[in-house]
Amino acid sequence: MPTIVDQALVIRHWDFSETSQTVSLFCREHGVIRGLAKGSRREKSRFSGGLEVLTRGEMVAITKHGAELATITEWDLQEVFWSTRRDLGAHRAGLYVVDLIHHAILSDDPHPKLWDHTANALRALADPIARSEQVLLFQWRLLVELGYKPNLGSSAGIGAGRVFRFNPRAGGLVSESAGGPGANGSVGEDWKVRADTIDLLRGLEGRSEDEERPGLATDAPAQTVDRASRLLSEYLRVLLDRDLGTRQALFGPRA
């Protein structure tokens, strides 16, 4: 039974007993690992007082082929994303980020670059402006990692006031001349999207893996950033085939 040591973000936890927890960890080199942390809630244990959502640490786990749960033997708490505990908006954004990881990333499927982006996004949630940008960037990078980057077509012909059509089943923009059902017979699933929203998203295509630029590096108005983020959240809702409660808490109910 191999023992692994890795940096991890706690994305979910459940009480297993008075002294133990089951946890879901997003690990940098090993993807999502679900495990049992026996005795993690005891005062004197190897678990830094227990595992809590929206924290980062180094975990030690024993895995067994075919077993549903790994055995988490140690947890060294190294970072608490404090803004998610002090600010309601940051809290909602942080829960949405880790909820997406929980539902979108498979077990034992490592995404080290996405892990780095996730940790950086959680660190930047204290500032409301940076928060909106980080949620947008995170969703974009998640889609890129999953192989579902939206098709935004060519930038030729874009102009102020123009309205585009986005079909989630088709994976992006569809022709304005396309009548009737969209891809896969998706009648009525075309979403009208403003040109400035598409322009902003097109600006992300060449920088999705750029870890040296934490923000959008654009002067796009806050409402444009919000519209772009909402568009990607709706696209992810269709891809995941579920509407996450954390998405609703962050963006509000669907219109």
Protein backbone atom coordinates (compact mmCIF):
# COMPACT_ATOMS: atom_id res chain seq x y z
CA MET A 1 0.00 0.00 0.00
CA PRO A 2 1.75 3.17 -1.20
CA THR A 3 2.13 6.20 1.03
CA ILE A 4 1.84 9.59 -0.66
CA VAL A 5 2.74 13.07 0.55
CA ASP A 6 1.26 16.07 -1.24
CA GLN A 7 0.07 19.65 -0.94
CA ALA A 8 -3.71 19.69 -0.67
CA LEU A 9 -6.72 21.98 -0.44
CA VAL A 10 -9.65 20.82 1.68
CA ILE A 11 -12.73 21.00 -0.54
CA ARG A 12 -15.18 19.04 1.63
CA HIS A 13 -15.38 17.27 4.96
CA TRP A 14 -17.93 15.26 6.88
CA ASP A 15 -17.98 14.15 10.51
CA PHE A 16 -17.40 10.39 10.64
CA SER A 17 -17.51 10.12 14.41
CA GLU A 18 -16.83 12.32 17.42
CA THR A 19 -13.11 12.13 16.73
CA SER A 20 -12.80 11.30 13.01
CA GLN A 21 -13.65 12.86 9.65
CA THR A 22 -14.05 11.83 6.04
CA VAL A 23 -12.56 14.42 3.72
CA SER A 24 -12.23 15.33 0.07
CA LEU A 25 -8.85 16.85 -0.79
CA PHE A 26 -7.70 18.48 -4.02
CA CYS A 27 -4.04 17.48 -4.18
CA ARG A 28 -1.49 19.14 -6.42
CA GLU A 29 0.14 15.98 -7.77
CA HIS A 30 -2.59 13.39 -7.17
CA GLY A 31 -5.88 15.12 -8.03
CA VAL A 32 -8.91 14.65 -5.80
CA ILE A 33 -8.45 12.13 -2.99
CA ARG A 34 -11.25 11.10 -0.67
CA GLY A 35 -10.15 9.65 2.62
CA LEU A 36 -10.79 8.85 6.24
CA ALA A 37 -8.87 10.83 8.85
CA LYS A 38 -9.13 8.73 12.00
CA GLY A 39 -8.73 10.70 15.19
CA SER A 40 -8.38 13.98 13.31
CA ARG A 41 -10.54 15.88 15.82
CA ARG A 42 -8.62 14.84 18.89
CA GLU A 43 -6.65 17.61 20.58
CA LYS A 44 -3.40 15.68 20.44
CA SER A 45 -3.21 14.23 16.94
CA ARG A 46 -1.30 14.54 13.69
CA PHE A 47 -4.02 16.64 12.10
CA SER A 48 -3.48 20.21 13.33
CA GLY A 49 -6.76 20.09 15.20
CA GLY A 50 -8.82 18.75 12.30
CA LEU A 51 -9.37 19.45 8.62
CA GLU A 52 -11.54 22.39 7.56
CA VAL A 53 -12.81 23.49 4.16
CA LEU A 54 -10.90 26.34 2.49
CA THR A 55 -7.56 25.56 4.04
CA ARG A 56 -4.26 24.34 2.56
CA GLY A 57 -1.82 21.90 4.09
CA GLU A 58 0.47 18.97 3.56
CA MET A 59 -1.21 15.61 3.82
CA VAL A 60 0.12 12.09 4.18
CA ALA A 61 -2.14 9.30 3.00
CA ILE A 62 -2.07 5.57 2.46
CA THR A 63 -3.90 4.43 -0.66
CA LYS A 64 -5.07 0.96 -1.56
CA HIS A 65 -6.03 -0.03 -5.09
CA GLY A 66 -9.78 -0.49 -5.38
CA ALA A 67 -10.55 1.09 -2.02
CA GLU A 68 -13.13 3.89 -2.02
CA LEU A 69 -11.34 5.85 0.70
CA ALA A 70 -7.67 6.45 1.37
CA THR A 71 -6.42 6.57 4.94
CA ILE A 72 -5.25 10.07 5.84
CA THR A 73 -2.54 9.62 8.44
CA GLU A 74 -1.23 13.18 8.84
CA TRP A 75 -2.28 16.74 8.09
CA ASP A 76 -0.02 19.77 8.58
CA LEU A 77 -2.12 22.93 8.30
CA GLN A 78 -0.09 25.55 6.39
CA GLU A 79 -2.57 28.19 5.21
CA VAL A 80 -6.02 29.42 6.11
CA PHE A 81 -7.80 31.57 3.52
CA TRP A 82 -8.95 34.03 6.14
CA SER A 83 -11.01 36.29 3.90
CA THR A 84 -13.45 33.42 3.31
CA ARG A 85 -14.17 33.44 7.05
CA ARG A 86 -14.39 37.18 7.54
CA ASP A 87 -16.34 38.33 4.47
CA LEU A 88 -19.61 36.84 3.22
CA GLY A 89 -18.87 37.58 -0.43
CA ALA A 90 -15.43 35.96 -0.19
CA HIS A 91 -16.98 33.01 1.65
CA ARG A 92 -19.51 32.43 -1.12
CA ALA A 93 -16.89 32.80 -3.84
CA GLY A 94 -14.52 30.39 -2.08
CA LEU A 95 -17.21 27.76 -1.59
CA TYR A 96 -18.19 28.04 -5.26
CA VAL A 97 -14.57 27.52 -6.36
CA VAL A 98 -14.05 24.36 -4.28
CA ASP A 99 -17.54 23.08 -5.13
CA LEU A 100 -16.64 23.23 -8.82
CA ILE A 101 -13.46 21.28 -8.13
CA HIS A 102 -15.45 18.68 -6.18
CA HIS A 103 -17.91 18.10 -9.02
CA ALA A 104 -15.64 18.58 -12.04
CA ILE A 105 -12.33 16.86 -11.20
CA LEU A 106 -12.17 13.07 -11.10
CA SER A 107 -10.34 11.07 -8.47
CA ASP A 108 -6.65 10.43 -9.16
CA ASP A 109 -6.68 12.94 -12.02
CA PRO A 110 -3.92 15.47 -11.27
CA HIS A 111 -4.09 19.07 -12.50
CA PRO A 112 -1.08 20.85 -10.94
CA LYS A 113 -1.52 24.10 -12.88
CA LEU A 114 -5.20 24.26 -11.97
CA TRP A 115 -4.24 23.54 -8.34
CA ASP A 116 -1.89 26.54 -8.39
CA HIS A 117 -4.59 28.73 -9.98
CA THR A 118 -7.11 27.58 -7.36
CA ALA A 119 -4.82 28.40 -4.44
CA ASN A 120 -3.98 31.81 -5.91
CA ALA A 121 -7.66 32.56 -6.52
CA LEU A 122 -8.56 31.73 -2.92
CA ARG A 123 -5.81 34.07 -1.70
CA ALA A 124 -7.19 36.96 -3.75
CA LEU A 125 -10.82 36.89 -2.56
CA ALA A 126 -10.49 39.60 0.08
CA ASP A 127 -10.74 42.45 -2.45
CA PRO A 128 -14.25 42.65 -4.03
CA ILE A 129 -12.87 43.78 -7.42
CA ALA A 130 -10.13 41.16 -7.49
CA ARG A 131 -12.70 38.62 -6.28
CA SER A 132 -14.91 39.02 -9.36
CA GLU A 133 -11.90 38.77 -11.65
CA GLN A 134 -10.55 35.69 -9.87
CA VAL A 135 -13.86 33.84 -10.06
CA LEU A 136 -14.00 34.58 -13.78
CA LEU A 137 -10.39 33.49 -14.32
CA PHE A 138 -10.85 30.33 -12.27
CA GLN A 139 -13.90 29.26 -14.24
CA TRP A 140 -12.07 29.90 -17.50
CA ARG A 141 -9.02 27.91 -16.40
CA LEU A 142 -11.22 25.05 -15.19
CA LEU A 143 -12.92 24.87 -18.59
CA VAL A 144 -9.52 24.87 -20.32
CA GLU A 145 -8.26 22.06 -18.06
CA LEU A 146 -11.37 19.98 -18.69
CA GLY A 147 -11.11 20.44 -22.45
CA TYR A 148 -14.30 22.51 -22.67
CA LYS A 149 -12.87 25.92 -23.49
CA PRO A 150 -15.75 27.73 -25.22
CA ASN A 151 -15.47 28.33 -28.93
CA LEU A 152 -15.54 32.11 -29.30
CA GLY A 153 -14.97 32.22 -33.04
CA SER A 154 -12.94 34.87 -34.80
CA SER A 155 -12.51 38.37 -33.42
CA ALA A 156 -13.16 39.77 -36.88
CA GLY A 157 -16.28 41.87 -37.15
CA ILE A 158 -16.77 42.47 -33.46
CA GLY A 159 -18.32 45.83 -32.71
CA ALA A 160 -19.94 47.77 -29.93
CA GLY A 161 -23.61 46.98 -29.56
CA ARG A 162 -23.46 43.73 -31.47
CA VAL A 163 -25.17 40.72 -29.89
CA PHE A 164 -23.80 37.18 -30.21
CA ARG A 165 -25.47 33.83 -29.69
CA PHE A 166 -23.90 31.29 -27.32
CA ASN A 167 -25.14 27.71 -27.27
CA PRO A 168 -23.81 25.58 -24.38
CA ARG A 169 -24.58 22.30 -26.17
CA ALA A 170 -22.60 23.49 -29.18
CA GLY A 171 -19.75 24.56 -26.93
CA GLY A 172 -19.72 28.25 -27.77
CA LEU A 173 -20.84 30.81 -30.29
CA VAL A 174 -23.19 29.77 -33.06
CA SER A 175 -23.89 31.47 -36.36
CA GLU A 176 -26.52 34.17 -36.37
CA SER A 177 -27.88 32.63 -39.55
CA ALA A 178 -28.32 29.22 -37.95
CA GLY A 179 -32.03 28.73 -37.62
CA GLY A 180 -34.02 26.17 -35.67
CA PRO A 181 -32.42 23.83 -33.19
CA GLY A 182 -28.86 24.28 -32.06
CA ALA A 183 -26.30 21.51 -31.67
CA ASN A 184 -27.74 18.19 -30.50
CA GLY A 185 -31.22 19.51 -31.23
CA SER A 186 -31.01 22.03 -28.40
CA VAL A 187 -34.03 24.14 -29.25
CA GLY A 188 -34.17 27.45 -27.46
CA GLU A 189 -30.82 27.08 -25.71
CA ASP A 190 -29.08 29.94 -27.51
CA TRP A 191 -28.11 32.71 -25.09
CA LYS A 192 -27.76 36.29 -26.23
CA VAL A 193 -24.37 37.69 -25.24
CA ARG A 194 -23.06 41.22 -25.61
CA ALA A 195 -20.03 41.99 -27.74
CA ASP A 196 -18.03 43.41 -24.83
CA THR A 197 -18.54 40.16 -22.89
CA ILE A 198 -17.22 38.09 -25.80
CA ASP A 199 -14.38 40.55 -26.30
CA LEU A 200 -13.34 40.11 -22.65
CA LEU A 201 -13.44 36.32 -22.89
CA ARG A 202 -11.44 36.37 -26.12
CA GLY A 203 -8.78 38.29 -24.25
CA LEU A 204 -8.40 35.32 -21.87
CA GLU A 205 -7.61 32.80 -24.59
CA GLY A 206 -3.95 33.71 -24.90
CA ARG A 207 -3.26 33.90 -21.17
CA SER A 208 -5.03 31.00 -19.47
CA GLU A 209 -1.74 29.43 -18.34
CA ASP A 210 -0.01 32.71 -17.45
CA GLU A 211 0.64 32.44 -13.73
CA GLU A 212 2.59 35.72 -13.54
CA ARG A 213 -0.45 37.93 -14.17
CA PRO A 214 -2.89 37.48 -11.28
CA GLY A 215 -5.58 39.82 -12.60
CA LEU A 216 -7.30 40.41 -15.91
CA ALA A 217 -4.92 43.19 -16.97
CA THR A 218 -7.84 45.01 -18.57
CA ASP A 219 -9.95 48.07 -17.91
CA ALA A 220 -13.19 46.21 -18.56
CA PRO A 221 -16.07 47.60 -16.46
CA ALA A 222 -17.10 45.58 -13.42
CA GLN A 223 -20.47 44.78 -15.00
CA THR A 224 -18.75 43.26 -18.03
CA VAL A 225 -16.59 41.09 -15.79
CA ASP A 226 -19.72 40.03 -13.91
CA ARG A 227 -21.60 39.19 -17.13
CA ALA A 228 -18.66 37.12 -18.42
CA SER A 229 -18.43 35.26 -15.11
CA ARG A 230 -22.15 34.55 -15.10
CA LEU A 231 -21.97 33.25 -18.67
CA LEU A 232 -19.22 30.78 -17.75
CA SER A 233 -21.11 29.74 -14.61
CA GLU A 234 -24.17 28.94 -16.73
CA TYR A 235 -22.01 27.05 -19.23
CA LEU A 236 -20.53 25.00 -16.38
CA ARG A 237 -24.02 24.37 -15.03
CA VAL A 238 -24.97 22.76 -18.34
CA LEU A 239 -21.74 20.77 -18.58
CA LEU A 240 -22.10 19.44 -15.02
CA ASP A 241 -25.83 18.85 -15.52
CA ARG A 242 -26.60 20.39 -12.15
CA ASP A 243 -27.09 23.82 -10.66
CA LEU A 244 -24.80 24.11 -7.67
CA GLY A 245 -26.22 25.75 -4.59
CA THR A 246 -22.95 27.62 -4.20
CA ARG A 247 -23.40 29.07 -7.69
CA GLN A 248 -26.86 30.30 -6.78
CA ALA A 249 -25.56 31.82 -3.54
CA LEU A 250 -22.82 33.70 -5.40
CA PHE A 251 -24.70 34.85 -8.50
CA GLY A 252 -28.30 34.71 -7.32
CA PRO A 253 -31.14 32.63 -8.77
CA ARG A 254 -31.39 32.21 -12.50
CA ALA A 255 -33.56 34.70 -14.33
